[in-house]
Protein backbone atom coordinates (compact mmCIF):
# COMPACT_ATOMS: atom_id res chain seq x y z
CA MET A 1 0.39 -0.27 0.29
CA ILE A 2 1.15 3.73 -0.54
CA PHE A 3 0.26 6.31 1.92
CA ILE A 4 -0.18 9.98 -0.04
CA SER A 5 1.30 13.17 2.39
CA TYR A 6 -0.65 15.97 1.07
CA SER A 7 -1.83 19.46 1.90
CA SER A 8 -5.21 20.05 1.11
CA LYS A 9 -4.97 22.53 -0.73
CA ASP A 10 -3.17 20.49 -2.78
CA LEU A 11 -6.50 18.75 -3.59
CA ILE A 12 -6.45 18.18 -7.41
CA LEU A 13 -2.64 17.89 -7.52
CA ALA A 14 -3.10 14.92 -4.69
CA GLN A 15 -6.31 13.23 -6.53
CA SER A 16 -4.27 13.20 -10.39
CA ILE A 17 -1.24 11.49 -8.78
CA VAL A 18 -3.93 8.85 -6.75
CA SER A 19 -5.33 8.00 -10.10
CA GLU A 20 -2.38 7.33 -11.98
CA PHE A 21 -1.53 5.09 -8.71
CA GLU A 22 -5.08 3.06 -8.90
CA LYS A 23 -4.49 3.23 -12.50
CA PHE A 24 -0.85 0.77 -12.31
CA GLY A 25 -2.55 -1.75 -10.02
CA ASN A 26 -1.26 0.32 -6.44
CA ARG A 27 -3.34 0.28 -3.47
CA VAL A 28 -3.51 3.84 -2.28
CA TRP A 29 -4.69 5.30 1.10
CA VAL A 30 -5.52 8.54 1.34
CA ASP A 31 -7.78 10.47 3.58
CA PHE A 32 -10.34 11.56 1.06
CA ASN A 33 -10.95 8.07 0.40
CA ASP A 34 -9.77 6.13 3.61
CA LEU A 35 -10.32 8.35 6.83
CA SER A 36 -13.62 8.19 8.76
CA LEU A 37 -13.96 11.98 10.60
CA SER A 38 -16.22 9.66 12.97
CA HIS A 39 -13.03 8.55 14.65
CA PRO A 40 -9.68 10.10 16.44
CA LEU A 41 -7.75 10.96 12.87
CA THR A 42 -3.83 10.87 14.73
CA PRO A 43 -4.53 6.44 15.17
CA GLN A 44 -6.33 6.00 11.75
CA LEU A 45 -3.17 8.08 10.24
CA ALA A 46 -0.54 6.22 12.46
CA THR A 47 -1.91 3.20 11.58
CA ALA A 48 -1.96 4.40 7.61
CA ILE A 49 1.55 5.24 8.10
CA GLN A 50 2.83 1.81 9.48
CA GLU A 51 0.55 -0.42 7.12
CA ALA A 52 2.21 1.34 4.06
CA ARG A 53 4.81 -0.15 2.34
CA THR A 54 5.63 3.17 0.66
CA PHE A 55 5.16 6.68 1.79
CA CYS A 56 4.90 9.87 -0.74
CA LEU A 57 4.50 13.21 0.37
CA ILE A 58 3.91 15.70 -2.41
CA ASP A 59 6.20 17.83 -1.88
CA SER A 60 4.65 21.59 -1.55
CA VAL A 61 5.09 24.96 -0.41
CA ASN A 62 1.40 24.12 0.91
CA SER A 63 2.56 20.80 2.57
CA ARG A 64 5.46 22.49 4.50
CA LYS A 65 3.04 24.85 6.29
CA SER A 66 0.60 22.33 6.85
CA HIS A 67 0.58 20.75 10.24
CA TRP A 68 -0.61 17.39 9.40
CA VAL A 69 2.19 16.75 6.74
CA GLN A 70 5.04 17.05 9.56
CA PHE A 71 3.21 15.15 11.59
CA GLU A 72 2.49 12.15 9.11
CA ILE A 73 6.59 12.94 7.83
CA TYR A 74 7.71 12.44 11.40
CA PHE A 75 6.18 9.70 12.32
CA GLN A 76 7.09 7.81 8.45
CA SER A 77 10.86 9.12 10.65
CA ILE A 78 10.32 6.71 12.89
CA VAL A 79 8.55 3.30 11.17
CA GLN A 80 11.37 4.51 8.17
CA ASN A 81 8.84 2.76 5.33
CA LYS A 82 10.26 3.52 1.40
CA LEU A 83 9.69 7.32 1.24
CA VAL A 84 9.38 8.85 -2.08
CA VAL A 85 8.52 12.24 -2.72
CA TYR A 86 7.10 14.15 -5.71
CA PRO A 87 7.89 17.54 -6.48
CA GLY A 88 4.87 20.00 -5.78
CA PHE A 89 6.22 22.81 -6.65
CA ALA A 90 5.19 23.96 -10.54
CA GLU A 91 8.75 25.20 -11.51
CA LEU A 92 10.06 21.54 -10.88
CA ARG A 93 6.80 19.10 -11.57
CA PRO A 94 7.44 16.11 -13.39
CA SER A 95 4.40 14.55 -14.94
CA VAL A 96 2.19 12.66 -12.67
CA PHE A 97 1.92 9.81 -15.46
CA GLU A 98 5.67 9.73 -15.45
CA PHE A 99 6.63 9.70 -11.49
CA VAL A 100 4.37 7.07 -11.06
CA ARG A 101 5.62 4.75 -14.01
CA SER A 102 8.85 5.19 -13.07
CA ILE A 103 7.97 4.35 -9.87
CA ASN A 104 6.75 1.37 -10.29
CA GLN A 105 9.38 0.12 -13.02
CA ARG A 106 12.02 1.46 -10.64
CA GLU A 107 10.95 -0.69 -7.94
CA LYS A 108 9.64 -3.18 -9.82
CA LEU A 109 6.48 -4.40 -7.25
CA LEU A 110 2.93 -3.57 -7.58
CA PHE A 111 2.78 -1.73 -3.16
């Protein structure tokens, strides 16, 4: 499973990355599909990060200001699952398709 960490201000970008990972047959955990607002948030995030094989950070100006993203990064550093970073800054932003394809090819895994 791939855990997606992003700022809600980058929702459209996150949705496109999730969509591409799923097209390649990957199981993705992302808050807008998997987080239950009727349960405490922190334990859900911690469990998802622990269970993920890969932690995908969408790095952007917004994510660097997000307290939730900072918590997720901190917890990922404890769990130490595989970290991949999508550069969400407009001037660095690669094609979402190429980013996801390169991860799948490099790892030769369906997460």
